[in-house]
Amino acid sequence: MRGLGFSEADARTLADHFEEADRRNRPGHGTSRLDWLAELPDLDPTATPHRAVVEHGYERWEGNGALGYLVLARIVESQLFDPPARARLIVASRCFPTGYLGYWVQKLAENGLVAALTTTSPPRLAHPDGGEPLAGTNPLAIAVPSSDGRPLVSDVSMGKVTYGDVLVGAAPPEELVPFGGEQAHKAFALAVGLHMLVSSLAGAEHGAVMLVARPEHDPVPALRARAGGVRLPGDG
């Protein structure tokens, strides 16, 4: 990352994300992405995102050509520095690529905030009946803090496999379809809905929408008790 021109701080931010993805067995979002990033034609390691609009309960960020990872990193840092009194909606334009979204919402949950995050990507999922790709894999990540110190982190792509899986050769391109088999129309509907939600708020280019809120209840310990040791989303 330093060799590509990123600052020491930005290089560490990127490295932390890639290394955590590898530790979480998400190689498509890990250090395998380094070669892919190096080949991006419009890579600008000096670009800096900024917060363009600040209102009560709402922020809008502009990516300004910065990698989506760094846009989300700045947004998360900002929310931790100045958390909402109740809840806040954050919209980011020109925010791509963003990596695995559970990484970002977990940081917020570890500091006591509920967070939901979705982002768009290039259209890669076609209708289950066929045709041209109409929506990105458009993951949705939700993190809920817990008094037991282990946030619940749910992070799901709408694809049977991720584009990262295809990049690293872990899955063939023909498996990049909505998940669900005979029920794939449900994942396709979610992918389209999330794509239109983000696009309507962030604009034509790839973007992100995040909700951050202070919890008023602590539901995770009771869920863990009912689960009886079954692995829950986000557990190591």
C-alpha atoms as a PDB file:
ATOM      1  CA  MET A   1       0.000   0.000   0.000  1.00  0.00           C
ATOM      2  CA  ARG A   2       2.841   2.399   0.778  1.00  0.00           C
ATOM      3  CA  GLY A   3       4.410   1.449  -2.546  1.00  0.00           C
ATOM      4  CA  LEU A   4       1.205   2.458  -4.332  1.00  0.00           C
ATOM      5  CA  GLY A   5       1.426   5.910  -2.777  1.00  0.00           C
ATOM      6  CA  PHE A   6      -0.899   5.667   0.229  1.00  0.00           C
ATOM      7  CA  SER A   7      -0.004   7.483   3.430  1.00  0.00           C
ATOM      8  CA  GLU A   8       1.203   5.474   6.408  1.00  0.00           C
ATOM      9  CA  ALA A   9      -2.155   5.874   8.156  1.00  0.00           C
ATOM     10  CA  ASP A  10      -4.230   4.904   5.103  1.00  0.00           C
ATOM     11  CA  ALA A  11      -1.951   1.965   4.330  1.00  0.00           C
ATOM     12  CA  ARG A  12      -2.441   0.669   7.877  1.00  0.00           C
ATOM     13  CA  THR A  13      -6.222   1.122   7.627  1.00  0.00           C
ATOM     14  CA  LEU A  14      -6.294  -0.940   4.441  1.00  0.00           C
ATOM     15  CA  ALA A  15      -3.904  -3.570   5.776  1.00  0.00           C
ATOM     16  CA  ASP A  16      -5.954  -4.007   8.952  1.00  0.00           C
ATOM     17  CA  HIS A  17      -9.084  -4.651   6.881  1.00  0.00           C
ATOM     18  CA  PHE A  18      -7.401  -7.114   4.523  1.00  0.00           C
ATOM     19  CA  GLU A  19      -5.699  -9.013   7.345  1.00  0.00           C
ATOM     20  CA  GLU A  20      -8.940  -9.280   9.339  1.00  0.00           C
ATOM     21  CA  ALA A  21     -10.736 -10.575   6.236  1.00  0.00           C
ATOM     22  CA  ASP A  22      -8.106 -13.303   5.888  1.00  0.00           C
ATOM     23  CA  ARG A  23      -8.446 -14.182   9.583  1.00  0.00           C
ATOM     24  CA  ARG A  24     -12.215 -14.417   9.127  1.00  0.00           C
ATOM     25  CA  ASN A  25     -11.761 -16.822   6.199  1.00  0.00           C
ATOM     26  CA  ARG A  26     -12.918 -14.250   3.657  1.00  0.00           C
ATOM     27  CA  PRO A  27      -9.997 -14.482   1.208  1.00  0.00           C
ATOM     28  CA  GLY A  28     -11.915 -12.693  -1.528  1.00  0.00           C
ATOM     29  CA  HIS A  29     -11.824  -9.550   0.616  1.00  0.00           C
ATOM     30  CA  GLY A  30      -8.349 -10.101   2.062  1.00  0.00           C
ATOM     31  CA  THR A  31      -4.777  -9.534   0.934  1.00  0.00           C
ATOM     32  CA  SER A  32      -5.662 -11.106  -2.398  1.00  0.00           C
ATOM     33  CA  ARG A  33      -7.182  -7.730  -3.241  1.00  0.00           C
ATOM     34  CA  LEU A  34      -3.796  -6.003  -3.333  1.00  0.00           C
ATOM     35  CA  ASP A  35      -3.049  -6.958  -6.932  1.00  0.00           C
ATOM     36  CA  TRP A  36      -6.599  -6.021  -7.940  1.00  0.00           C
ATOM     37  CA  LEU A  37      -6.271  -2.581  -6.350  1.00  0.00           C
ATOM     38  CA  ALA A  38      -2.909  -1.993  -7.992  1.00  0.00           C
ATOM     39  CA  GLU A  39      -4.562  -2.489 -11.396  1.00  0.00           C
ATOM     40  CA  LEU A  40      -7.441  -0.044 -10.851  1.00  0.00           C
ATOM     41  CA  PRO A  41      -7.161   2.542 -13.645  1.00  0.00           C
ATOM     42  CA  ASP A  42      -8.418   5.465 -11.537  1.00  0.00           C
ATOM     43  CA  LEU A  43      -6.624   4.658  -8.267  1.00  0.00           C
ATOM     44  CA  ASP A  44      -5.801   7.919  -6.458  1.00  0.00           C
ATOM     45  CA  PRO A  45      -3.955   7.234  -3.175  1.00  0.00           C
ATOM     46  CA  THR A  46      -3.981  10.945  -2.298  1.00  0.00           C
ATOM     47  CA  ALA A  47      -7.773  11.381  -2.541  1.00  0.00           C
ATOM     48  CA  THR A  48      -9.511  12.318   0.714  1.00  0.00           C
ATOM     49  CA  PRO A  49     -13.228  11.916   1.490  1.00  0.00           C
ATOM     50  CA  HIS A  50     -15.050  14.734   3.241  1.00  0.00           C
ATOM     51  CA  ARG A  51     -18.312  15.320   5.063  1.00  0.00           C
ATOM     52  CA  ALA A  52     -20.333  17.617   2.840  1.00  0.00           C
ATOM     53  CA  VAL A  53     -23.593  17.886   4.819  1.00  0.00           C
ATOM     54  CA  VAL A  54     -24.168  17.789   8.569  1.00  0.00           C
ATOM     55  CA  GLU A  55     -27.714  18.043   9.875  1.00  0.00           C
ATOM     56  CA  HIS A  56     -29.516  16.728  12.923  1.00  0.00           C
ATOM     57  CA  GLY A  57     -29.756  12.995  12.381  1.00  0.00           C
ATOM     58  CA  TYR A  58     -28.188  13.095   8.906  1.00  0.00           C
ATOM     59  CA  GLU A  59     -24.766  13.290   7.271  1.00  0.00           C
ATOM     60  CA  ARG A  60     -23.665  13.123   3.645  1.00  0.00           C
ATOM     61  CA  TRP A  61     -20.113  12.221   2.693  1.00  0.00           C
ATOM     62  CA  GLU A  62     -18.403  12.586  -0.677  1.00  0.00           C
ATOM     63  CA  GLY A  63     -15.806   9.979  -1.603  1.00  0.00           C
ATOM     64  CA  ASN A  64     -13.857  12.382  -3.839  1.00  0.00           C
ATOM     65  CA  GLY A  65     -12.107   9.474  -5.550  1.00  0.00           C
ATOM     66  CA  ALA A  66     -10.887   7.824  -2.340  1.00  0.00           C
ATOM     67  CA  LEU A  67     -11.204   4.066  -1.997  1.00  0.00           C
ATOM     68  CA  GLY A  68     -14.479   3.057  -0.387  1.00  0.00           C
ATOM     69  CA  TYR A  69     -12.566   1.353   2.410  1.00  0.00           C
ATOM     70  CA  LEU A  70     -11.118   4.706   3.412  1.00  0.00           C
ATOM     71  CA  VAL A  71     -14.456   6.488   3.075  1.00  0.00           C
ATOM     72  CA  LEU A  72     -16.086   4.037   5.475  1.00  0.00           C
ATOM     73  CA  ALA A  73     -13.110   4.210   7.812  1.00  0.00           C
ATOM     74  CA  ARG A  74     -13.509   8.000   8.087  1.00  0.00           C
ATOM     75  CA  ILE A  75     -17.249   7.661   8.611  1.00  0.00           C
ATOM     76  CA  VAL A  76     -16.813   5.091  11.388  1.00  0.00           C
ATOM     77  CA  GLU A  77     -14.148   7.213  13.087  1.00  0.00           C
ATOM     78  CA  SER A  78     -16.465  10.227  12.913  1.00  0.00           C
ATOM     79  CA  GLN A  79     -19.393   8.349  14.466  1.00  0.00           C
ATOM     80  CA  LEU A  80     -17.245   7.076  17.312  1.00  0.00           C
ATOM     81  CA  PHE A  81     -15.872  10.563  17.949  1.00  0.00           C
ATOM     82  CA  ASP A  82     -19.340  12.156  17.868  1.00  0.00           C
ATOM     83  CA  PRO A  83     -22.035   9.474  18.307  1.00  0.00           C
ATOM     84  CA  PRO A  84     -25.666  10.399  17.686  1.00  0.00           C
ATOM     85  CA  ALA A  85     -27.894  11.418  20.561  1.00  0.00           C
ATOM     86  CA  ARG A  86     -30.465   8.897  19.273  1.00  0.00           C
ATOM     87  CA  ALA A  87     -29.913   7.885  15.663  1.00  0.00           C
ATOM     88  CA  ARG A  88     -28.198   9.133  12.531  1.00  0.00           C
ATOM     89  CA  LEU A  89     -28.454   8.280   8.837  1.00  0.00           C
ATOM     90  CA  ILE A  90     -25.210   8.566   6.868  1.00  0.00           C
ATOM     91  CA  VAL A  91     -25.109   8.550   3.066  1.00  0.00           C
ATOM     92  CA  ALA A  92     -21.835   8.277   1.146  1.00  0.00           C
ATOM     93  CA  SER A  93     -21.462   8.871  -2.579  1.00  0.00           C
ATOM     94  CA  ARG A  94     -18.583   7.570  -4.721  1.00  0.00           C
ATOM     95  CA  CYS A  95     -17.887   4.908  -2.110  1.00  0.00           C
ATOM     96  CA  PHE A  96     -16.333   1.821  -3.749  1.00  0.00           C
ATOM     97  CA  PRO A  97     -14.880  -0.729  -3.099  1.00  0.00           C
ATOM     98  CA  THR A  98     -15.920  -1.202   0.516  1.00  0.00           C
ATOM     99  CA  GLY A  99     -14.712  -4.696   1.449  1.00  0.00           C
ATOM    100  CA  TYR A 100     -16.620  -6.895   3.844  1.00  0.00           C
ATOM    101  CA  LEU A 101     -19.149  -4.740   5.632  1.00  0.00           C
ATOM    102  CA  GLY A 102     -19.227  -6.657   8.902  1.00  0.00           C
ATOM    103  CA  TYR A 103     -15.780  -5.233   9.633  1.00  0.00           C
ATOM    104  CA  TRP A 104     -17.109  -1.672   9.746  1.00  0.00           C
ATOM    105  CA  VAL A 105     -20.311  -2.216  11.712  1.00  0.00           C
ATOM    106  CA  GLN A 106     -18.517  -4.401  14.245  1.00  0.00           C
ATOM    107  CA  LYS A 107     -16.259  -1.478  15.137  1.00  0.00           C
ATOM    108  CA  LEU A 108     -19.349   0.562  15.963  1.00  0.00           C
ATOM    109  CA  ALA A 109     -21.002  -2.228  17.947  1.00  0.00           C
ATOM    110  CA  GLU A 110     -17.844  -2.813  19.967  1.00  0.00           C
ATOM    111  CA  ASN A 111     -18.250   0.768  21.104  1.00  0.00           C
ATOM    112  CA  GLY A 112     -21.897   0.411  22.077  1.00  0.00           C
ATOM    113  CA  LEU A 113     -23.697   1.490  18.894  1.00  0.00           C
ATOM    114  CA  VAL A 114     -26.221  -0.376  16.779  1.00  0.00           C
ATOM    115  CA  ALA A 115     -25.313  -0.149  13.095  1.00  0.00           C
ATOM    116  CA  ALA A 116     -26.712  -1.239   9.744  1.00  0.00           C
ATOM    117  CA  LEU A 117     -24.797  -0.766   6.505  1.00  0.00           C
ATOM    118  CA  THR A 118     -25.411  -1.544   2.856  1.00  0.00           C
ATOM    119  CA  THR A 119     -23.475  -0.642  -0.278  1.00  0.00           C
ATOM    120  CA  THR A 120     -23.833  -1.018  -4.023  1.00  0.00           C
ATOM    121  CA  SER A 121     -21.452  -2.598  -6.510  1.00  0.00           C
ATOM    122  CA  PRO A 122     -21.388  -3.013 -10.293  1.00  0.00           C
ATOM    123  CA  PRO A 123     -24.402  -5.003 -11.569  1.00  0.00           C
ATOM    124  CA  ARG A 124     -23.469  -8.678 -11.304  1.00  0.00           C
ATOM    125  CA  LEU A 125     -26.722 -10.439 -10.406  1.00  0.00           C
ATOM    126  CA  ALA A 126     -29.244 -11.222 -13.120  1.00  0.00           C
ATOM    127  CA  HIS A 127     -32.886 -12.132 -12.618  1.00  0.00           C
ATOM    128  CA  PRO A 128     -33.264 -15.840 -11.714  1.00  0.00           C
ATOM    129  CA  ASP A 129     -35.024 -16.273 -15.067  1.00  0.00           C
ATOM    130  CA  GLY A 130     -31.942 -14.954 -16.874  1.00  0.00           C
ATOM    131  CA  GLY A 131     -31.017 -11.811 -18.764  1.00  0.00           C
ATOM    132  CA  GLU A 132     -28.480  -9.067 -18.158  1.00  0.00           C
ATOM    133  CA  PRO A 133     -27.154  -8.363 -14.619  1.00  0.00           C
ATOM    134  CA  LEU A 134     -29.424  -5.808 -12.965  1.00  0.00           C
ATOM    135  CA  ALA A 135     -28.074  -5.417  -9.423  1.00  0.00           C
ATOM    136  CA  GLY A 136     -24.864  -5.710  -7.483  1.00  0.00           C
ATOM    137  CA  THR A 137     -24.268  -8.350  -4.844  1.00  0.00           C
ATOM    138  CA  ASN A 138     -25.227  -5.509  -2.462  1.00  0.00           C
ATOM    139  CA  PRO A 139     -24.386  -6.897   0.985  1.00  0.00           C
ATOM    140  CA  LEU A 140     -26.250  -5.927   4.139  1.00  0.00           C
ATOM    141  CA  ALA A 141     -24.471  -5.883   7.506  1.00  0.00           C
ATOM    142  CA  ILE A 142     -26.106  -5.383  10.907  1.00  0.00           C
ATOM    143  CA  ALA A 143     -24.265  -5.214  14.226  1.00  0.00           C
ATOM    144  CA  VAL A 144     -25.813  -5.112  17.699  1.00  0.00           C
ATOM    145  CA  PRO A 145     -23.692  -4.534  20.828  1.00  0.00           C
ATOM    146  CA  SER A 146     -23.945  -6.858  23.805  1.00  0.00           C
ATOM    147  CA  SER A 147     -23.173  -6.534  27.490  1.00  0.00           C
ATOM    148  CA  ASP A 148     -21.281  -9.845  27.221  1.00  0.00           C
ATOM    149  CA  GLY A 149     -18.698  -8.068  25.058  1.00  0.00           C
ATOM    150  CA  ARG A 150     -19.467 -10.043  21.899  1.00  0.00           C
ATOM    151  CA  PRO A 151     -21.566  -8.089  19.403  1.00  0.00           C
ATOM    152  CA  LEU A 152     -23.893  -9.933  17.082  1.00  0.00           C
ATOM    153  CA  VAL A 153     -22.723  -9.189  13.535  1.00  0.00           C
ATOM    154  CA  SER A 154     -24.806 -10.351  10.573  1.00  0.00           C
ATOM    155  CA  ASP A 155     -23.191  -9.745   7.164  1.00  0.00           C
ATOM    156  CA  VAL A 156     -24.799 -11.264   4.069  1.00  0.00           C
ATOM    157  CA  SER A 157     -24.211 -10.771   0.351  1.00  0.00           C
ATOM    158  CA  MET A 158     -27.178 -11.304  -1.935  1.00  0.00           C
ATOM    159  CA  GLY A 159     -25.092 -13.538  -4.188  1.00  0.00           C
ATOM    160  CA  LYS A 160     -24.620 -17.286  -3.916  1.00  0.00           C
ATOM    161  CA  VAL A 161     -20.921 -16.404  -3.965  1.00  0.00           C
ATOM    162  CA  THR A 162     -19.173 -13.042  -3.770  1.00  0.00           C
ATOM    163  CA  TYR A 163     -17.312 -11.335  -6.577  1.00  0.00           C
ATOM    164  CA  GLY A 164     -14.216 -11.706  -4.404  1.00  0.00           C
ATOM    165  CA  ASP A 165     -14.679 -15.486  -4.474  1.00  0.00           C
ATOM    166  CA  VAL A 166     -14.634 -15.318  -8.268  1.00  0.00           C
ATOM    167  CA  LEU A 167     -11.544 -13.069  -8.284  1.00  0.00           C
ATOM    168  CA  VAL A 168      -9.497 -15.509  -6.201  1.00  0.00           C
ATOM    169  CA  GLY A 169     -10.741 -18.549  -8.103  1.00  0.00           C
ATOM    170  CA  ALA A 170     -12.721 -19.942  -5.174  1.00  0.00           C
ATOM    171  CA  ALA A 171     -15.906 -20.007  -7.278  1.00  0.00           C
ATOM    172  CA  PRO A 172     -16.648 -20.007 -11.025  1.00  0.00           C
ATOM    173  CA  PRO A 173     -18.304 -16.901 -12.555  1.00  0.00           C
ATOM    174  CA  GLU A 174     -21.489 -18.836 -13.334  1.00  0.00           C
ATOM    175  CA  GLU A 175     -22.136 -19.196  -9.589  1.00  0.00           C
ATOM    176  CA  LEU A 176     -22.402 -15.416  -9.216  1.00  0.00           C
ATOM    177  CA  VAL A 177     -26.206 -15.552  -9.019  1.00  0.00           C
ATOM    178  CA  PRO A 178     -28.756 -14.665  -6.311  1.00  0.00           C
ATOM    179  CA  PHE A 179     -28.614 -17.170  -3.461  1.00  0.00           C
ATOM    180  CA  GLY A 180     -31.523 -19.399  -2.560  1.00  0.00           C
ATOM    181  CA  GLY A 181     -31.848 -21.945  -5.351  1.00  0.00           C
ATOM    182  CA  GLU A 182     -35.548 -22.227  -6.170  1.00  0.00           C
ATOM    183  CA  GLN A 183     -36.162 -19.263  -3.843  1.00  0.00           C
ATOM    184  CA  ALA A 184     -33.515 -17.075  -5.509  1.00  0.00           C
ATOM    185  CA  HIS A 185     -36.149 -14.489  -6.415  1.00  0.00           C
ATOM    186  CA  LYS A 186     -36.114 -13.421  -2.749  1.00  0.00           C
ATOM    187  CA  ALA A 187     -32.385 -12.620  -2.766  1.00  0.00           C
ATOM    188  CA  PHE A 188     -32.802 -10.934  -6.150  1.00  0.00           C
ATOM    189  CA  ALA A 189     -35.605  -8.758  -4.739  1.00  0.00           C
ATOM    190  CA  LEU A 190     -33.394  -7.767  -1.800  1.00  0.00           C
ATOM    191  CA  ALA A 191     -30.474  -6.991  -4.118  1.00  0.00           C
ATOM    192  CA  VAL A 192     -32.636  -4.788  -6.332  1.00  0.00           C
ATOM    193  CA  GLY A 193     -34.290  -3.087  -3.355  1.00  0.00           C
ATOM    194  CA  LEU A 194     -30.973  -2.299  -1.691  1.00  0.00           C
ATOM    195  CA  HIS A 195     -29.509  -1.085  -4.982  1.00  0.00           C
ATOM    196  CA  MET A 196     -32.384   1.314  -5.554  1.00  0.00           C
ATOM    197  CA  LEU A 197     -32.348   2.481  -1.913  1.00  0.00           C
ATOM    198  CA  VAL A 198     -28.666   3.389  -2.009  1.00  0.00           C
ATOM    199  CA  SER A 199     -28.809   4.845  -5.515  1.00  0.00           C
ATOM    200  CA  SER A 200     -31.781   7.054  -4.662  1.00  0.00           C
ATOM    201  CA  LEU A 201     -29.909   8.542  -1.712  1.00  0.00           C
ATOM    202  CA  ALA A 202     -26.275   8.475  -2.861  1.00  0.00           C
ATOM    203  CA  GLY A 203     -26.581   9.080  -6.599  1.00  0.00           C
ATOM    204  CA  ALA A 204     -25.720   7.230  -9.782  1.00  0.00           C
ATOM    205  CA  GLU A 205     -22.226   6.179  -8.728  1.00  0.00           C
ATOM    206  CA  HIS A 206     -21.652   3.421  -6.191  1.00  0.00           C
ATOM    207  CA  GLY A 207     -22.505   4.476  -2.670  1.00  0.00           C
ATOM    208  CA  ALA A 208     -23.216   3.428   0.884  1.00  0.00           C
ATOM    209  CA  VAL A 209     -26.005   3.988   3.391  1.00  0.00           C
ATOM    210  CA  MET A 210     -25.434   3.515   7.106  1.00  0.00           C
ATOM    211  CA  LEU A 211     -27.743   3.811  10.103  1.00  0.00           C
ATOM    212  CA  VAL A 212     -26.133   4.333  13.517  1.00  0.00           C
ATOM    213  CA  ALA A 213     -28.176   4.422  16.724  1.00  0.00           C
ATOM    214  CA  ARG A 214     -27.906   4.099  20.473  1.00  0.00           C
ATOM    215  CA  PRO A 215     -29.537   0.876  21.725  1.00  0.00           C
ATOM    216  CA  GLU A 216     -32.347   0.997  24.255  1.00  0.00           C
ATOM    217  CA  HIS A 217     -32.359  -2.741  24.965  1.00  0.00           C
ATOM    218  CA  ASP A 218     -29.736  -5.497  25.255  1.00  0.00           C
ATOM    219  CA  PRO A 219     -31.237  -8.510  23.435  1.00  0.00           C
ATOM    220  CA  VAL A 220     -28.096 -10.475  22.552  1.00  0.00           C
ATOM    221  CA  PRO A 221     -27.380 -12.290  25.880  1.00  0.00           C
ATOM    222  CA  ALA A 222     -30.905 -13.751  25.944  1.00  0.00           C
ATOM    223  CA  LEU A 223     -30.512 -14.902  22.350  1.00  0.00           C
ATOM    224  CA  ARG A 224     -27.214 -16.597  23.192  1.00  0.00           C
ATOM    225  CA  ALA A 225     -28.871 -18.350  26.127  1.00  0.00           C
ATOM    226  CA  ARG A 226     -31.672 -19.649  23.898  1.00  0.00           C
ATOM    227  CA  ALA A 227     -29.159 -20.687  21.224  1.00  0.00           C
ATOM    228  CA  GLY A 228     -27.529 -23.066  23.670  1.00  0.00           C
ATOM    229  CA  GLY A 229     -24.042 -22.807  22.206  1.00  0.00           C
ATOM    230  CA  VAL A 230     -25.015 -22.715  18.539  1.00  0.00           C
ATOM    231  CA  ARG A 231     -22.706 -20.390  16.622  1.00  0.00           C
ATOM    232  CA  LEU A 232     -24.394 -17.057  15.978  1.00  0.00           C
ATOM    233  CA  PRO A 233     -23.504 -14.511  13.279  1.00  0.00           C
ATOM    234  CA  GLY A 234     -20.241 -12.753  14.055  1.00  0.00           C
ATOM    235  CA  ASP A 235     -18.968 -15.326  16.531  1.00  0.00           C
ATOM    236  CA  GLY A 236     -15.303 -16.141  16.108  1.00  0.00           C
END
